[in-house]
Amino acid sequence: MVMPIKPENEAERLAELHSFGVLDTAPDPAFDEVVDLLASMLDMPVTLISLVDEHRQWFRARHGFEPSETPLDQSICGHAILDDGLLVIEDTLADPRTADNPLCCGTLSDMRFYAGAPLVTRSGHRIGTLCVLDTVPRQLSQRQKKLILVMARQVMRQLDLQRALRNKEILRGEIDHRVKNSLQTVASTIRLYRARLDSDDAREALDAVARRVDAISQLHAELNLTSKMHHVGLDTYLERVGHLLQRQAPSGTRIETYAEALEVDSRVAASLGIIANEFAANATKYAHPEQGEPLQIRFSLNRTGVNQMTLVCEDNGVHRLVSEEDSVPEWSSTALGGRMMEAAAAQVGGRLDQRREPHGYVLRAELPIELSAESSGNSDGVSGTAFREAARAAE
């Protein structure tokens, strides 16, 4: 029996094969459909997608053939990967490469016909074949040969796509890990510097920065759970923000969230998170419920237009006022938290309306669902305006 000759660049070829991470994986319907369809179109009893490893050929998909792999010394595909074109052996018993192959001479099977097109990677390595086999000698028409070659290229494109997606997930996981560590480091640094400050204004500024970091952390966590890297589901995102705020709130405080199942631009979600963080922080600082009542903070979000939604932030506190005659609470736009919220809304083309009502204080944020080109270009927003103000407050 003539053993397949290994390509001169065998080490590089094997490295390329293993980079796909597909060997010994579960069956994939995308490839099963190819071999089933090709067997039907060519009236072939056996169709295989074969990947040629160092000592074996492993079948990514198979039709009419039971073993999931065979040793390399029984591989016809090992011969097929030596050239870029289609290898056709019309009668395996008449070809010295296959005459005494156990797959052809009856020891393991009775395959008398073979045609295989190599699976060629973008770098030119032939990692396997798409092949058809029959139990009788036969010939292929030019149209049938072309069909096998075209299908082989489609199989290779599918393998390339799956490798790209796999590498993307690996990279995404690594980035996620590094971003989490970086945000944790920033949060720890903020707490460390805050503990050393004597100025109430400086501590307030660092608290605002810390809340901004918390909002970014929640947004990052939500983005990492979805395949849509630029859009966020607000129902789960607002719930995450609520859980974070509940953990940070004083004992007895109750925080409730409700949001319609809307997907929004991640920058809109970031602004929404800042508004919710600042409202809760200011409510716990300035809101005073009736005697014996716990502080209650509620966030609700609903679509209110084709490209508009409204975030309603409410608490049940009686707020201290700037003056007896003034109906504006102390933490309105004259305070850092209020400026942060206004900057967050303005960054995405939104607006705020805040006022005291009989049951407590209410803030309504009118925000877009998708950013307009004008709002999208306004990247200075929160990161510029609000943080410059925070820096000035800390001086």
Foldseek 3Di string as FASTA:
>chain_A
DDAQDADPPNVVLQVVLCLLVQPPDDADVVVQVLQVVLCVVVVFQKKFWWFDHDFKIATNYIGNDPDRIDTRRLDPFSNQQVDQAKDWDQFQCVDPSRVPRCCPVVVPHNWGIKIWHFQAAPVGRGGTTTMTTHNHGDDDDPVSRVVRNVSSPVVNVVSVVSSVVVVVLVVLVVVLVVVVVVLVVVLVVLVVVLVVDDDPLQNVLSVLVNLLSVLVNLLSVQCSVDPPNFKGFVQVSVVSLQVVLVVVAPPQEEEEEEEDRAIAGSLLSSLVSLLVSLVSVVCSVFFAADPPHGKYWYWYKDADDPFKIKIKIWIQGDGDPPDPPDQDGPCDCVHLSNVLNQLSLVLQPKHKDWGADPRGIMIMIMGTRYGDPVSVPSPCGNVPPSSVVSVVSND
